[in-house]
Amino acid sequence: MSVPAGGELRRVIGFWGGTALIIGITIGSGIFRKPGTLAANLPNPWVILGLWSGLGAICIFGALAVAELASMLPKTGGSYVFLRAAYGDSSAFVFGWIYLMITAPAGVGALAQFFAELLLGVLGYDLKLIPHWVIPTIASGAIVVLSVANLLGAAWGSAIQGLFTFIKVAALCAIMLVGLFLSHGSFGHFGGGRPVELGKLGGGIAGVIWAYDGWIAVSMIAGEVVAPDKLMKRIIVFGMAAIVFLYVGANIAYIYAMPLGQMADVKASVPQKLMSDALSPGVGTAITFCIMCSVLGALSGCVLAKPRVSYALAQDGLTFRFLGLAHPRWSSPYAAILIQAAVAIVLVFVLNDFDVLTTYFVVVEWFALLFTVGAVIVLRKKMPDAPRPYRTPGYPWVPLLFLLGTTVGLAAIVWGEIHQEKPNYSPLWGLLIAASGFPIFWIWKRLRPPQQFVAELSDRRPGGGPG
């Protein structure tokens, strides 16, 4: 097969390869960690199941829309390529700013925090009794170790990542089977739900969105899918439907096996509690190790991949030049890795709560996704004749439903966070930091020497980060 002209990617991914990639990237820590938080905030099983189902549908709408952008602009960089085409260089710069300073560090910090909770649980510690500095210290240690490993050029091979995907899917299937058929559960747990406080609904939405975050990975594969006009819709619908099935099925198993009050008490260890009670403590420990593999794989992938976005932006002359420097010996984007690690550690110590970290991440990340999906509509008008191997079905209603559902969800999250008993203003601070990217772009553009700008433009090359 010849390489397509213009530096485009080879179309080699088939139906099963694309489906496995979306499932593997999307399923992470949320489905294992968030059910206890949801049970504490939303004392109604049908509201919980409705959120998992409804937000899953919204994610499918978003993925169907973004797939059109990816097939139209199959270049390295994903969202920033779409934002630049639709809104200009300033939006691409701000996306890189958000990615480097907010969403990537917050995602890394949240995963590291959950890994620390799991590790302490396996070692027999009661999370309610340990000093407040223990979890962020362990989480910071995990961030440092994985960042140093990636600075040295170390990376998990695709076979290991595939193994992690198999482990997490197998763990979910085991939880569903044991919870529904081997536990001493009751369908009575689905009745007697209490009214949900509006202020706590936002926290529930944030938790479910965190679990579904990752479907944007469709933008990374559409340019490599064989016959995208035929396969992309099937990959997205089947892949996301499989994720929704696993998530809803796991939650049905959780609720059947134990009432919401009990789930709220164990919070961070609902799967472990379910497996221990139904089978044995040893099986509960085994499922914890499976979840740790899932979280560690996701954390390693984030530490490895996310700095490459800043690297690609710098290579295209759309952010600070030093972020595009690769280490002369280890060929790693060391500046972006170090900044990501430092900001993640600060967030872990300052916020020091998994749910607060994920809410901080979700609000800013999905606010940016509004503009990414909106780019489908903008580019239909701006570039009407551009080749589109794949077109969003049900246009314009599919992207509009995503925009409406996401806007309502984000408004509910922010309102709920600032009106709770102990207000959480971190989402507003995150949006403020994101908005500060525009004046920083203005300053950066004017302070940069003109000859440097010309040199960067002439040196632009296709391709992503260093190997």
Protein backbone atom coordinates (compact mmCIF):
# COMPACT_ATOMS: atom_id res chain seq x y z
CA MET A 1 0.00 0.00 0.00
CA SER A 2 1.35 3.41 -0.91
CA VAL A 3 1.41 6.27 1.50
CA PRO A 4 -1.29 8.82 0.69
CA ALA A 5 -0.21 12.21 -0.49
CA GLY A 6 0.04 15.17 1.79
CA GLY A 7 1.26 13.32 4.85
CA GLU A 8 -2.11 11.69 5.47
CA LEU A 9 -2.41 8.54 7.53
CA ARG A 10 -2.81 5.04 6.13
CA ARG A 11 -6.33 3.62 6.30
CA VAL A 12 -5.66 0.30 7.96
CA ILE A 13 -8.08 0.15 10.92
CA GLY A 14 -11.08 -2.12 10.49
CA PHE A 15 -14.32 -2.45 12.41
CA TRP A 16 -13.05 -4.54 15.32
CA GLY A 17 -9.81 -2.60 15.68
CA GLY A 18 -11.62 0.73 15.85
CA THR A 19 -14.26 -0.59 18.24
CA ALA A 20 -11.65 -2.05 20.60
CA LEU A 21 -9.70 1.22 20.61
CA ILE A 22 -12.70 3.35 21.59
CA ILE A 23 -13.75 0.89 24.31
CA GLY A 24 -10.21 0.56 25.66
CA ILE A 25 -9.60 4.30 25.89
CA THR A 26 -13.01 5.25 27.31
CA ILE A 27 -13.28 2.68 30.12
CA GLY A 28 -11.01 3.79 32.92
CA SER A 29 -11.53 4.59 36.58
CA GLY A 30 -15.01 6.14 36.61
CA ILE A 31 -17.17 3.02 36.48
CA PHE A 32 -15.21 1.52 39.39
CA ARG A 33 -14.89 4.63 41.60
CA LYS A 34 -17.95 6.77 40.92
CA PRO A 35 -20.87 4.43 41.87
CA GLY A 36 -20.29 5.04 45.59
CA THR A 37 -20.22 8.81 45.08
CA LEU A 38 -23.40 8.65 42.99
CA ALA A 39 -25.14 6.57 45.67
CA ALA A 40 -24.20 9.16 48.31
CA ASN A 41 -25.43 12.14 46.25
CA LEU A 42 -28.39 10.62 44.37
CA PRO A 43 -30.51 8.37 46.64
CA ASN A 44 -32.66 7.13 43.74
CA PRO A 45 -31.54 4.15 41.62
CA TRP A 46 -33.61 5.16 38.61
CA VAL A 47 -32.05 8.62 38.50
CA ILE A 48 -28.61 6.99 38.59
CA LEU A 49 -29.44 4.56 35.79
CA GLY A 50 -31.06 7.38 33.82
CA LEU A 51 -27.86 9.43 34.00
CA TRP A 52 -25.72 6.52 32.78
CA SER A 53 -28.11 5.90 29.87
CA GLY A 54 -28.86 9.51 28.92
CA LEU A 55 -25.31 10.81 29.06
CA GLY A 56 -24.18 7.75 27.13
CA ALA A 57 -26.55 8.76 24.33
CA ILE A 58 -25.21 12.33 24.40
CA CYS A 59 -21.67 10.98 24.06
CA ILE A 60 -22.73 8.95 21.02
CA PHE A 61 -24.10 12.13 19.43
CA GLY A 62 -20.81 13.93 20.10
CA ALA A 63 -18.72 11.08 18.71
CA LEU A 64 -20.84 10.88 15.55
CA ALA A 65 -20.23 14.60 14.97
CA VAL A 66 -16.50 14.60 15.71
CA ALA A 67 -15.99 11.63 13.38
CA GLU A 68 -16.92 13.91 10.46
CA LEU A 69 -14.24 16.40 11.47
CA ALA A 70 -11.64 13.65 11.80
CA SER A 71 -12.39 12.17 8.39
CA MET A 72 -12.35 15.65 6.85
CA LEU A 73 -9.12 16.72 8.59
CA PRO A 74 -7.23 13.48 9.31
CA LYS A 75 -4.17 15.14 10.80
CA THR A 76 -2.20 14.66 13.99
CA GLY A 77 -3.57 16.73 16.87
CA GLY A 78 -7.27 15.88 16.88
CA SER A 79 -9.30 18.65 18.50
CA TYR A 80 -6.77 21.42 18.01
CA VAL A 81 -6.77 20.80 14.24
CA PHE A 82 -10.56 21.17 14.15
CA LEU A 83 -10.59 24.26 16.38
CA ARG A 84 -7.91 25.96 14.30
CA ALA A 85 -9.76 25.28 11.04
CA ALA A 86 -13.07 26.55 12.44
CA TYR A 87 -12.04 29.44 14.69
CA GLY A 88 -8.41 30.38 13.93
CA ASP A 89 -4.98 30.25 15.57
CA SER A 90 -6.02 31.87 18.85
CA SER A 91 -8.47 29.03 19.59
CA ALA A 92 -5.80 26.44 18.79
CA PHE A 93 -3.40 28.19 21.19
CA VAL A 94 -6.01 28.31 23.97
CA PHE A 95 -6.79 24.62 23.45
CA GLY A 96 -3.11 23.85 23.98
CA TRP A 97 -3.08 26.11 27.04
CA ILE A 98 -6.13 24.33 28.51
CA TYR A 99 -4.66 20.94 27.74
CA LEU A 100 -1.27 21.66 29.31
CA MET A 101 -2.37 23.64 32.38
CA ILE A 102 -5.81 22.22 33.26
CA THR A 103 -7.27 19.09 31.70
CA ALA A 104 -4.16 16.93 31.27
CA PRO A 105 -2.79 17.59 34.80
CA ALA A 106 -6.26 17.24 36.37
CA GLY A 107 -6.87 13.93 34.60
CA VAL A 108 -3.44 12.63 35.59
CA GLY A 109 -3.93 13.83 39.17
CA ALA A 110 -7.36 12.20 39.52
CA LEU A 111 -6.13 8.85 38.23
CA ALA A 112 -3.10 8.98 40.53
CA GLN A 113 -5.38 9.84 43.47
CA PHE A 114 -7.60 6.82 42.80
CA PHE A 115 -4.54 4.58 42.38
CA ALA A 116 -3.33 5.73 45.82
CA GLU A 117 -6.76 4.95 47.34
CA LEU A 118 -6.73 1.46 45.84
CA LEU A 119 -3.18 0.77 46.99
CA LEU A 120 -3.96 1.80 50.57
CA GLY A 121 -7.12 -0.31 50.50
CA VAL A 122 -5.19 -3.40 49.39
CA LEU A 123 -2.68 -2.77 52.19
CA GLY A 124 -5.54 -2.76 54.70
CA TYR A 125 -5.71 0.93 55.62
CA ASP A 126 -8.99 2.66 56.42
CA LEU A 127 -9.11 5.74 54.17
CA LYS A 128 -11.18 7.62 56.76
CA LEU A 129 -8.48 7.27 59.43
CA ILE A 130 -5.25 8.04 57.57
CA PRO A 131 -3.66 11.55 57.69
CA HIS A 132 -4.81 13.87 54.89
CA TRP A 133 -1.34 14.09 53.32
CA VAL A 134 -0.87 10.34 52.73
CA ILE A 135 -3.00 9.94 49.59
CA PRO A 136 -1.61 13.00 47.74
CA THR A 137 1.93 11.92 48.65
CA ILE A 138 1.44 8.44 47.17
CA ALA A 139 -0.35 9.92 44.15
CA SER A 140 2.53 12.36 43.60
CA GLY A 141 4.99 9.49 43.82
CA ALA A 142 3.13 7.62 41.09
CA ILE A 143 3.13 10.74 38.89
CA VAL A 144 6.85 11.26 39.41
CA VAL A 145 7.76 7.61 38.69
CA LEU A 146 5.72 7.44 35.48
CA SER A 147 6.89 10.89 34.33
CA VAL A 148 10.55 9.95 34.84
CA ALA A 149 9.97 6.67 33.00
CA ASN A 150 8.52 8.56 30.04
CA LEU A 151 11.30 11.15 30.17
CA LEU A 152 13.70 8.25 29.64
CA GLY A 153 11.72 7.16 26.64
CA ALA A 154 10.01 4.22 28.32
CA ALA A 155 6.48 3.41 27.15
CA TRP A 156 4.00 0.62 27.47
CA GLY A 157 3.81 -1.48 24.33
CA SER A 158 0.57 -1.92 22.47
CA ALA A 159 0.35 -5.54 23.68
CA ILE A 160 0.44 -4.41 27.32
CA GLN A 161 -2.18 -1.72 26.68
CA GLY A 162 -4.31 -4.38 24.99
CA LEU A 163 -3.89 -6.57 28.07
CA PHE A 164 -5.08 -3.72 30.32
CA THR A 165 -8.15 -3.29 28.08
CA PHE A 166 -8.94 -6.99 28.34
CA ILE A 167 -8.51 -6.92 32.14
CA LYS A 168 -10.84 -3.95 32.67
CA VAL A 169 -13.58 -5.33 30.38
CA ALA A 170 -13.24 -8.77 32.01
CA ALA A 171 -13.49 -7.15 35.46
CA LEU A 172 -16.72 -5.36 34.49
CA CYS A 173 -18.21 -8.56 33.08
CA ALA A 174 -17.26 -10.45 36.24
CA ILE A 175 -18.87 -7.76 38.42
CA MET A 176 -22.07 -7.97 36.36
CA LEU A 177 -22.26 -11.78 36.52
CA VAL A 178 -21.41 -12.05 40.21
CA GLY A 179 -23.63 -9.14 41.23
CA LEU A 180 -26.67 -10.42 39.34
CA PHE A 181 -26.37 -14.20 39.80
CA LEU A 182 -24.09 -15.03 42.73
CA SER A 183 -24.79 -12.27 45.26
CA HIS A 184 -27.57 -12.32 47.84
CA GLY A 185 -29.15 -9.28 46.24
CA SER A 186 -32.70 -8.12 45.78
CA PHE A 187 -34.70 -6.25 43.17
CA GLY A 188 -36.23 -4.46 46.13
CA HIS A 189 -33.12 -2.26 46.13
CA PHE A 190 -34.52 -0.57 43.02
CA GLY A 191 -37.57 0.71 44.90
CA GLY A 192 -38.05 3.27 47.62
CA GLY A 193 -35.82 5.91 46.11
CA ARG A 194 -35.88 9.35 47.74
CA PRO A 195 -36.16 12.69 45.92
CA VAL A 196 -32.85 13.98 44.58
CA GLU A 197 -31.59 17.38 45.67
CA LEU A 198 -31.05 19.62 42.63
CA GLY A 199 -27.76 20.86 44.04
CA LYS A 200 -26.36 17.31 44.18
CA LEU A 201 -27.55 16.35 40.71
CA GLY A 202 -24.65 18.30 39.18
CA GLY A 203 -22.12 16.23 41.09
CA GLY A 204 -23.75 13.08 39.76
CA ILE A 205 -23.61 14.39 36.20
CA ALA A 206 -19.92 15.22 36.63
CA GLY A 207 -19.20 11.70 37.87
CA VAL A 208 -20.90 10.02 34.92
CA ILE A 209 -19.30 12.38 32.40
CA TRP A 210 -15.88 11.55 33.85
CA ALA A 211 -16.55 7.85 33.25
CA TYR A 212 -17.57 8.46 29.63
CA ASP A 213 -14.75 10.89 28.85
CA GLY A 214 -12.56 9.34 26.19
CA TRP A 215 -14.99 9.02 23.28
CA ILE A 216 -13.16 11.96 21.71
CA ALA A 217 -10.55 9.31 20.80
CA VAL A 218 -12.68 8.77 17.70
CA SER A 219 -10.97 11.89 16.32
CA MET A 220 -7.65 10.06 16.49
CA ILE A 221 -8.69 7.09 14.35
CA ALA A 222 -11.14 8.36 11.71
CA GLY A 223 -8.29 9.25 9.36
CA GLU A 224 -7.01 5.67 9.54
CA VAL A 225 -10.27 3.75 9.19
CA VAL A 226 -10.85 1.73 6.04
CA ALA A 227 -13.94 2.97 4.15
CA PRO A 228 -14.86 5.56 6.84
CA ASP A 229 -18.13 6.45 5.09
CA LYS A 230 -19.34 2.91 5.86
CA LEU A 231 -17.46 1.88 8.98
CA MET A 232 -17.23 5.00 11.17
CA LYS A 233 -20.90 5.10 12.10
CA ARG A 234 -20.86 1.37 12.88
CA ILE A 235 -17.68 1.64 14.98
CA ILE A 236 -19.05 4.57 16.98
CA VAL A 237 -22.54 3.19 17.53
CA PHE A 238 -21.37 -0.33 18.35
CA GLY A 239 -18.40 0.80 20.48
CA MET A 240 -20.34 3.37 22.48
CA ALA A 241 -23.37 1.07 22.78
CA ALA A 242 -21.05 -1.59 24.22
CA ILE A 243 -19.70 0.92 26.75
CA VAL A 244 -23.21 2.04 27.73
CA PHE A 245 -24.22 -1.63 28.11
CA LEU A 246 -21.22 -2.37 30.34
CA TYR A 247 -21.76 0.76 32.44
CA VAL A 248 -25.51 0.34 32.90
CA GLY A 249 -25.10 -3.40 33.46
CA ALA A 250 -22.43 -2.88 36.12
CA ASN A 251 -24.63 -0.33 37.92
CA ILE A 252 -27.63 -2.67 37.84
CA ALA A 253 -25.38 -5.33 39.39
CA TYR A 254 -24.13 -2.88 42.04
CA ILE A 255 -27.65 -1.81 43.02
CA TYR A 256 -29.06 -5.34 42.96
CA ALA A 257 -26.23 -6.60 45.18
CA MET A 258 -26.39 -3.85 47.79
CA PRO A 259 -28.73 -0.94 48.66
CA LEU A 260 -27.65 2.59 47.86
CA GLY A 261 -27.02 3.39 51.53
CA GLN A 262 -24.45 0.61 51.76
CA MET A 263 -22.84 1.69 48.49
CA ALA A 264 -22.53 5.23 49.84
CA ASP A 265 -20.78 3.96 52.98
CA VAL A 266 -18.07 1.99 51.16
CA LYS A 267 -17.77 4.70 48.46
CA ALA A 268 -14.33 4.00 46.94
CA SER A 269 -14.59 0.21 47.09
CA VAL A 270 -18.04 -0.79 45.81
CA PRO A 271 -16.72 -3.48 43.39
CA GLN A 272 -14.43 -4.92 46.08
CA LYS A 273 -17.28 -5.02 48.61
CA LEU A 274 -19.59 -6.71 46.12
CA MET A 275 -17.08 -9.43 45.19
CA SER A 276 -15.96 -10.01 48.79
CA ASP A 277 -19.52 -10.43 50.09
CA ALA A 278 -20.65 -12.63 47.20
CA LEU A 279 -17.59 -14.88 46.97
CA SER A 280 -14.65 -14.27 49.31
CA PRO A 281 -12.27 -11.52 50.50
CA GLY A 282 -9.60 -13.02 48.24
CA VAL A 283 -11.77 -12.48 45.18
CA GLY A 284 -12.44 -8.92 46.38
CA THR A 285 -8.68 -8.33 46.54
CA ALA A 286 -8.27 -9.85 43.07
CA ILE A 287 -10.85 -7.48 41.57
CA THR A 288 -9.03 -4.61 43.25
CA PHE A 289 -5.82 -5.62 41.49
CA CYS A 290 -7.73 -5.73 38.18
CA ILE A 291 -9.02 -2.20 38.82
CA MET A 292 -5.50 -1.07 39.75
CA CYS A 293 -4.28 -2.41 36.40
CA SER A 294 -7.03 -0.44 34.66
CA VAL A 295 -6.17 2.76 36.51
CA LEU A 296 -2.41 2.29 36.14
CA GLY A 297 -2.77 1.64 32.42
CA ALA A 298 -4.90 4.76 31.98
CA LEU A 299 -2.49 6.83 34.08
CA SER A 300 0.54 5.58 32.16
CA GLY A 301 -1.19 6.30 28.85
CA CYS A 302 -2.07 9.84 29.96
CA VAL A 303 1.45 10.61 31.18
CA LEU A 304 2.84 9.28 27.92
CA ALA A 305 0.41 10.67 25.35
CA LYS A 306 -0.90 13.98 26.63
CA PRO A 307 2.43 15.91 26.48
CA ARG A 308 2.64 14.95 22.79
CA VAL A 309 -0.29 17.28 22.10
CA SER A 310 1.65 20.28 23.38
CA TYR A 311 4.65 19.02 21.41
CA ALA A 312 2.61 18.88 18.19
CA LEU A 313 1.21 22.37 18.81
CA ALA A 314 4.71 23.77 19.31
CA GLN A 315 5.94 22.04 16.16
CA ASP A 316 3.16 23.82 14.26
CA GLY A 317 4.18 27.18 15.77
CA LEU A 318 0.96 27.46 17.79
CA THR A 319 2.35 27.58 21.31
CA PHE A 320 5.57 28.29 23.16
CA ARG A 321 8.54 26.98 21.21
CA PHE A 322 10.21 25.28 24.19
CA LEU A 323 7.28 22.86 24.45
CA GLY A 324 8.34 21.46 21.08
CA LEU A 325 11.84 20.52 22.23
CA ALA A 326 12.71 16.83 22.39
CA HIS A 327 15.43 15.57 24.70
CA PRO A 328 18.60 15.03 22.64
CA ARG A 329 19.27 11.63 24.21
CA TRP A 330 15.87 10.21 25.09
CA SER A 331 13.73 11.82 22.34
CA SER A 332 10.97 12.74 24.77
CA PRO A 333 9.09 16.08 25.03
CA TYR A 334 10.68 16.73 28.39
CA ALA A 335 9.42 20.30 28.96
CA ALA A 336 5.77 19.33 28.45
CA ILE A 337 6.17 16.20 30.60
CA LEU A 338 7.77 18.13 33.47
CA ILE A 339 5.15 20.91 33.39
CA GLN A 340 2.31 18.40 33.30
CA ALA A 341 3.76 16.50 36.25
CA ALA A 342 4.37 19.65 38.30
CA VAL A 343 0.85 21.03 37.76
CA ALA A 344 -0.70 17.60 38.47
CA ILE A 345 1.16 17.34 41.79
CA VAL A 346 0.04 20.85 42.79
CA LEU A 347 -3.58 19.96 41.99
CA VAL A 348 -3.37 16.70 43.95
CA PHE A 349 -2.20 18.52 47.09
CA VAL A 350 -4.43 21.59 46.71
CA LEU A 351 -7.70 19.83 45.79
CA ASN A 352 -6.85 16.49 47.46
CA ASP A 353 -10.11 14.81 46.50
CA PHE A 354 -10.87 12.50 43.59
CA ASP A 355 -14.36 13.87 43.02
CA VAL A 356 -13.22 17.51 43.15
CA LEU A 357 -10.38 16.76 40.70
CA THR A 358 -12.69 15.03 38.24
CA THR A 359 -15.28 17.84 38.44
CA TYR A 360 -12.53 20.41 37.79
CA PHE A 361 -11.45 18.34 34.77
CA VAL A 362 -14.94 17.65 33.41
CA VAL A 363 -16.17 21.27 33.40
CA VAL A 364 -13.18 22.65 31.50
CA GLU A 365 -12.71 19.66 29.18
CA TRP A 366 -16.35 19.50 28.14
CA PHE A 367 -16.64 23.27 27.80
CA ALA A 368 -13.90 22.95 25.17
CA LEU A 369 -15.76 20.01 23.60
CA LEU A 370 -18.74 22.31 22.99
CA PHE A 371 -16.58 24.29 20.57
CA THR A 372 -15.09 21.13 19.06
CA VAL A 373 -18.48 19.65 18.19
CA GLY A 374 -19.72 23.12 17.18
CA ALA A 375 -16.92 23.13 14.61
CA VAL A 376 -18.95 20.62 12.57
CA ILE A 377 -21.60 23.27 12.00
CA VAL A 378 -19.07 26.08 11.46
CA LEU A 379 -17.06 24.12 8.87
CA ARG A 380 -20.20 23.02 7.00
CA LYS A 381 -20.65 26.74 6.27
CA LYS A 382 -16.99 27.76 6.09
CA MET A 383 -15.75 24.83 3.96
CA PRO A 384 -18.87 23.45 2.26
CA ASP A 385 -16.97 21.81 -0.62
CA ALA A 386 -14.25 20.10 1.43
CA PRO A 387 -14.15 16.30 0.99
CA ARG A 388 -15.98 14.52 3.79
CA PRO A 389 -15.51 10.73 3.57
CA TYR A 390 -17.88 10.46 6.52
CA ARG A 391 -20.84 12.74 7.23
CA THR A 392 -22.66 13.03 10.54
CA PRO A 393 -26.02 11.22 10.30
CA GLY A 394 -29.04 13.26 11.31
CA TYR A 395 -27.22 16.57 10.77
CA PRO A 396 -27.76 19.19 12.21
CA TRP A 397 -29.85 17.60 14.98
CA VAL A 398 -27.17 15.19 16.22
CA PRO A 399 -24.54 17.89 17.00
CA LEU A 400 -27.26 20.24 18.28
CA LEU A 401 -28.52 17.60 20.73
CA PHE A 402 -24.97 17.16 22.02
CA LEU A 403 -24.52 20.91 22.43
CA LEU A 404 -27.86 21.28 24.24
CA GLY A 405 -27.37 18.27 26.52
CA THR A 406 -23.79 19.21 27.40
CA THR A 407 -24.66 22.85 28.09
CA VAL A 408 -27.47 21.84 30.46
CA GLY A 409 -25.20 19.29 32.15
CA LEU A 410 -22.32 21.74 32.65
CA ALA A 411 -24.68 24.41 34.01
CA ALA A 412 -26.09 21.88 36.50
CA ILE A 413 -22.57 20.86 37.58
CA VAL A 414 -21.35 24.42 38.19
CA TRP A 415 -24.57 25.49 39.92
CA GLY A 416 -24.52 22.42 42.15
CA GLU A 417 -20.84 22.82 43.09
CA ILE A 418 -21.12 26.45 44.18
CA HIS A 419 -24.43 25.95 46.04
CA GLN A 420 -23.47 22.93 48.11
CA GLU A 421 -22.88 23.12 51.85
CA LYS A 422 -19.14 23.55 51.30
CA PRO A 423 -18.93 25.45 47.98
CA ASN A 424 -16.46 24.16 45.40
CA TYR A 425 -15.29 26.98 43.15
CA SER A 426 -12.60 24.96 41.35
CA PRO A 427 -14.66 24.62 38.11
CA LEU A 428 -14.99 28.42 37.93
CA TRP A 429 -11.26 28.83 38.59
CA GLY A 430 -10.62 26.33 35.81
CA LEU A 431 -12.77 28.26 33.35
CA LEU A 432 -11.02 31.48 34.39
CA ILE A 433 -7.59 29.93 33.77
CA ALA A 434 -8.86 28.68 30.41
CA ALA A 435 -10.09 32.16 29.43
CA SER A 436 -6.73 33.65 30.41
CA GLY A 437 -5.28 31.78 27.44
CA PHE A 438 -6.60 34.47 25.08
CA PRO A 439 -4.68 37.42 26.59
CA ILE A 440 -1.65 35.14 26.94
CA PHE A 441 -1.94 34.35 23.21
CA TRP A 442 -2.07 38.08 22.47
CA ILE A 443 1.06 38.71 24.57
CA TRP A 444 2.89 35.69 23.14
CA LYS A 445 2.09 36.69 19.56
CA ARG A 446 3.39 40.24 20.03
CA LEU A 447 6.51 39.37 21.99
CA ARG A 448 7.58 36.66 19.58
CA PRO A 449 10.20 37.90 17.08
CA PRO A 450 8.82 38.08 13.53
CA GLN A 451 11.75 36.08 12.15
CA GLN A 452 10.97 33.31 14.65
CA PHE A 453 7.38 33.22 13.44
CA VAL A 454 8.54 32.93 9.82
CA ALA A 455 11.03 30.20 10.74
CA GLU A 456 8.38 28.24 12.60
CA LEU A 457 5.98 28.44 9.68
CA SER A 458 8.64 27.25 7.24
CA ASP A 459 9.66 24.41 9.53
CA ARG A 460 6.17 23.02 10.07
CA ARG A 461 5.99 19.36 9.29
CA PRO A 462 3.30 16.70 9.52
CA GLY A 463 3.40 14.16 12.30
CA GLY A 464 2.97 14.18 16.02
CA GLY A 465 5.40 13.84 18.84
CA PRO A 466 8.63 12.01 19.24
CA GLY A 467 8.72 8.27 19.47
